[in-house]
Protein backbone atom coordinates (compact mmCIF):
# COMPACT_ATOMS: atom_id res chain seq x y z
CA UNK A 1 -156.10 113.65 15.69
CA UNK A 2 -154.83 110.15 16.52
CA UNK A 3 -156.81 107.10 17.53
CA UNK A 4 -154.94 104.29 19.24
CA UNK A 5 -155.89 100.68 19.71
CA UNK A 6 -156.58 99.71 23.29
CA UNK A 7 -154.10 97.36 24.93
CA UNK A 8 -155.24 93.89 25.77
CA UNK A 9 -153.94 90.57 27.01
CA UNK A 10 -154.78 86.95 26.41
CA UNK A 11 -153.64 83.48 27.36
CA UNK A 12 -150.78 82.21 25.24
CA UNK A 13 -152.91 79.38 23.85
CA UNK A 14 -155.80 81.75 22.97
CA UNK A 15 -154.30 84.53 20.85
CA UNK A 16 -156.34 87.59 19.96
CA UNK A 17 -157.12 87.80 16.27
CA UNK A 18 -156.97 91.37 15.01
CA UNK A 19 -158.63 91.58 11.61
CA UNK A 20 -157.36 94.35 9.39
CA UNK A 21 -159.99 95.49 6.95
CA UNK A 22 -158.77 95.16 3.36
CA UNK A 23 -160.85 98.25 2.43
CA UNK A 24 -158.89 100.55 4.72
CA UNK A 25 -158.52 103.38 2.24
CA UNK A 26 -156.27 106.36 2.78
CA UNK A 27 -155.61 108.47 5.86
CA UNK A 28 -158.03 111.07 7.10
CA UNK A 29 -156.59 114.25 8.54
CA UNK A 30 -158.64 116.93 10.25
CA UNK A 31 -157.47 120.53 10.29
CA UNK A 32 -159.26 122.55 12.93
CA UNK A 33 -159.43 126.07 14.32
CA UNK A 34 -161.28 127.45 17.31
CA UNK A 35 -161.61 130.92 18.72
CA UNK A 36 -163.55 132.76 21.34
CA UNK A 37 -164.04 135.33 18.54
CA UNK A 38 -165.86 133.00 16.11
CA UNK A 39 -169.48 134.04 15.80
CA UNK A 40 -170.57 130.60 14.67
CA UNK A 41 -169.00 127.17 14.86
CA UNK A 42 -165.43 125.97 14.98
CA UNK A 43 -163.84 125.41 11.59
CA UNK A 44 -162.94 121.83 10.62
CA UNK A 45 -161.77 120.45 7.28
CA UNK A 46 -161.10 116.80 6.44
CA UNK A 47 -158.18 116.16 4.09
CA UNK A 48 -156.17 113.16 2.95
CA UNK A 49 -152.84 114.37 4.27
CA UNK A 50 -151.11 117.05 6.29
CA UNK A 51 -148.75 118.92 3.99
CA UNK A 52 -148.05 122.52 3.07
CA UNK A 53 -150.67 122.54 0.34
CA UNK A 54 -153.48 121.32 2.63
CA UNK A 55 -152.45 123.75 5.37
CA UNK A 56 -152.44 126.64 2.86
CA UNK A 57 -155.96 125.70 1.69
CA UNK A 58 -157.08 125.55 5.31
CA UNK A 59 -155.63 129.02 5.96
CA UNK A 60 -157.68 130.37 3.04
CA UNK A 61 -160.84 128.88 4.55
CA UNK A 62 -159.86 130.23 7.96
CA UNK A 63 -159.42 133.73 6.56
CA UNK A 64 -162.91 133.50 5.04
CA UNK A 65 -164.22 132.52 8.48
CA UNK A 66 -163.12 135.96 9.74
CA UNK A 67 -165.23 137.84 7.17
CA UNK A 68 -166.04 140.53 9.74
CA UNK A 69 -162.32 141.42 10.06
CA UNK A 70 -161.33 141.60 6.40
CA UNK A 71 -159.03 144.60 6.78
CA UNK A 72 -157.31 143.39 9.94
CA UNK A 73 -154.47 140.96 10.40
CA UNK A 74 -155.43 137.84 12.31
CA UNK A 75 -153.19 135.85 14.61
CA UNK A 76 -153.17 132.06 14.64
CA UNK A 77 -151.57 130.09 17.47
CA UNK A 78 -150.24 126.70 16.37
CA UNK A 79 -147.47 124.19 16.92
CA UNK A 80 -144.19 123.97 14.99
CA UNK A 81 -145.18 121.11 12.70
CA UNK A 82 -143.17 120.99 9.48
CA UNK A 83 -146.15 121.71 7.16
CA UNK A 84 -146.90 124.91 9.11
CA UNK A 85 -143.54 126.40 8.14
CA UNK A 86 -143.39 125.30 4.49
CA UNK A 87 -142.75 127.93 1.78
CA UNK A 88 -146.26 127.62 0.30
CA UNK A 89 -147.81 128.27 3.72
CA UNK A 90 -145.51 131.24 4.37
CA UNK A 91 -146.48 132.90 1.08
CA UNK A 92 -150.18 132.14 1.65
CA UNK A 93 -150.31 133.64 5.14
CA UNK A 94 -148.47 136.74 4.00
CA UNK A 95 -150.98 137.24 1.17
CA UNK A 96 -153.94 136.60 3.51
CA UNK A 97 -152.59 138.86 6.29
CA UNK A 98 -152.29 136.09 8.86
CA UNK A 99 -149.62 136.05 11.57
CA UNK A 100 -148.49 132.76 13.08
CA UNK A 101 -147.60 132.58 16.76
CA UNK A 102 -145.86 129.28 17.40
CA UNK A 103 -146.28 127.31 20.62
CA UNK A 104 -143.17 126.25 22.50
CA UNK A 105 -141.96 122.80 21.49
CA UNK A 106 -143.60 119.80 23.21
CA UNK A 107 -146.35 121.78 24.98
CA UNK A 108 -149.70 120.43 23.76
CA UNK A 109 -151.17 121.26 27.17
CA UNK A 110 -150.99 124.93 26.21
CA UNK A 111 -152.87 124.43 22.95
CA UNK A 112 -156.57 125.15 23.46
CA UNK A 113 -157.78 122.95 20.61
CA UNK A 114 -156.36 119.86 22.37
CA UNK A 115 -159.35 120.03 24.75
CA UNK A 116 -161.64 119.87 21.76
CA UNK A 117 -159.79 117.00 20.05
CA UNK A 118 -160.39 114.82 23.11
CA UNK A 119 -164.13 115.62 23.00
CA UNK A 120 -164.26 114.83 19.27
CA UNK A 121 -162.34 111.56 19.69
CA UNK A 122 -164.62 110.43 22.49
CA UNK A 123 -167.73 111.24 20.43
CA UNK A 124 -166.27 109.56 17.33
CA UNK A 125 -165.49 106.36 19.24
CA UNK A 126 -168.98 106.35 20.77
CA UNK A 127 -170.61 106.78 17.35
CA UNK A 128 -168.35 104.12 15.85
CA UNK A 129 -169.39 101.65 18.56
CA UNK A 130 -173.09 102.41 18.02
CA UNK A 131 -173.03 101.95 14.25
CA UNK A 132 -173.40 98.38 13.05
CA UNK A 133 -171.96 97.96 9.58
CA UNK A 134 -171.32 94.62 8.01
CA UNK A 135 -168.16 96.14 6.65
CA UNK A 136 -166.86 99.51 7.79
CA UNK A 137 -165.35 101.40 4.87
CA UNK A 138 -163.64 104.75 4.37
CA UNK A 139 -166.81 106.58 3.39
CA UNK A 140 -168.70 105.39 6.50
CA UNK A 141 -165.78 106.43 8.67
CA UNK A 142 -165.67 109.91 7.09
CA UNK A 143 -169.41 110.34 7.63
CA UNK A 144 -169.16 109.32 11.28
CA UNK A 145 -166.22 111.68 11.78
CA UNK A 146 -168.11 114.53 10.11
CA UNK A 147 -171.08 113.88 12.40
CA UNK A 148 -168.75 114.15 15.41
CA UNK A 149 -167.28 117.40 14.06
CA UNK A 150 -170.76 118.80 13.39
CA UNK A 151 -171.80 117.94 16.95
CA UNK A 152 -169.39 120.54 18.36
CA UNK A 153 -171.54 123.45 19.48
CA UNK A 154 -170.38 127.06 19.51
CA UNK A 155 -170.47 126.92 23.32
CA UNK A 156 -168.21 123.85 23.40
CA UNK A 157 -165.65 125.39 21.07
CA UNK A 158 -165.73 128.72 22.92
CA UNK A 159 -165.13 126.92 26.22
CA UNK A 160 -162.20 125.01 24.72
CA UNK A 161 -160.82 128.23 23.24
CA UNK A 162 -160.43 129.82 26.66
CA UNK A 163 -159.18 126.69 28.46
CA UNK A 164 -155.74 125.08 28.71
CA UNK A 165 -153.79 127.73 30.57
CA UNK A 166 -155.25 130.48 28.41
CA UNK A 167 -154.37 133.20 30.93
CA UNK A 168 -150.73 132.16 30.78
CA UNK A 169 -150.79 132.21 26.96
CA UNK A 170 -152.49 135.60 26.83
CA UNK A 171 -149.86 137.02 29.15
CA UNK A 172 -146.95 135.51 27.15
CA UNK A 173 -148.36 136.48 23.73
CA UNK A 174 -149.25 139.92 25.08
CA UNK A 175 -145.62 140.45 26.12
CA UNK A 176 -144.35 139.22 22.75
CA UNK A 177 -146.76 141.42 20.82
CA UNK A 178 -145.96 144.44 23.00
CA UNK A 179 -142.25 143.85 22.39
CA UNK A 180 -142.84 143.68 18.60
CA UNK A 181 -144.54 147.10 18.73
CA UNK A 182 -141.57 148.58 20.52
CA UNK A 183 -143.49 149.04 23.75
CA UNK A 184 -141.83 148.15 27.03
CA UNK A 185 -142.62 144.67 28.25
């Protein structure tokens, strides 16, 4: 989830002063998973970085989220980011009985969670504008972000899970899965 500064302009003799807070802290990364099959809320985890270790921990939490399907393999659709294909993640998903289905390169419009990220970003920016801190620090920012993540209702995540060309994806993944079983496509 990326937040960008808005573009602006000014007269050359009146420059804009952008103050960078000296208490910036470290990065905040959010791992997230949605499904039309989740019985409760979407799963979100805040971490300091996106690497194989954090993705592997997230996959363990995700597997626990599917407690009602303990004996079944689950399929996770995701992009081809480098941490998703690291050796630690590969060994973790094999142990947890998770199958990865990778999205085609450069196709975020097919990824259902992208709809949800835009909702979360909008809510986060709104909350950030409403909060008046003398000095915004890392902890305040994490709390505001967590409030935005907690605000996602099961209905919102279920709607996002079936959006973004979902019929196309279901048809493509259905053909791929049928081909893996040896069935005619």
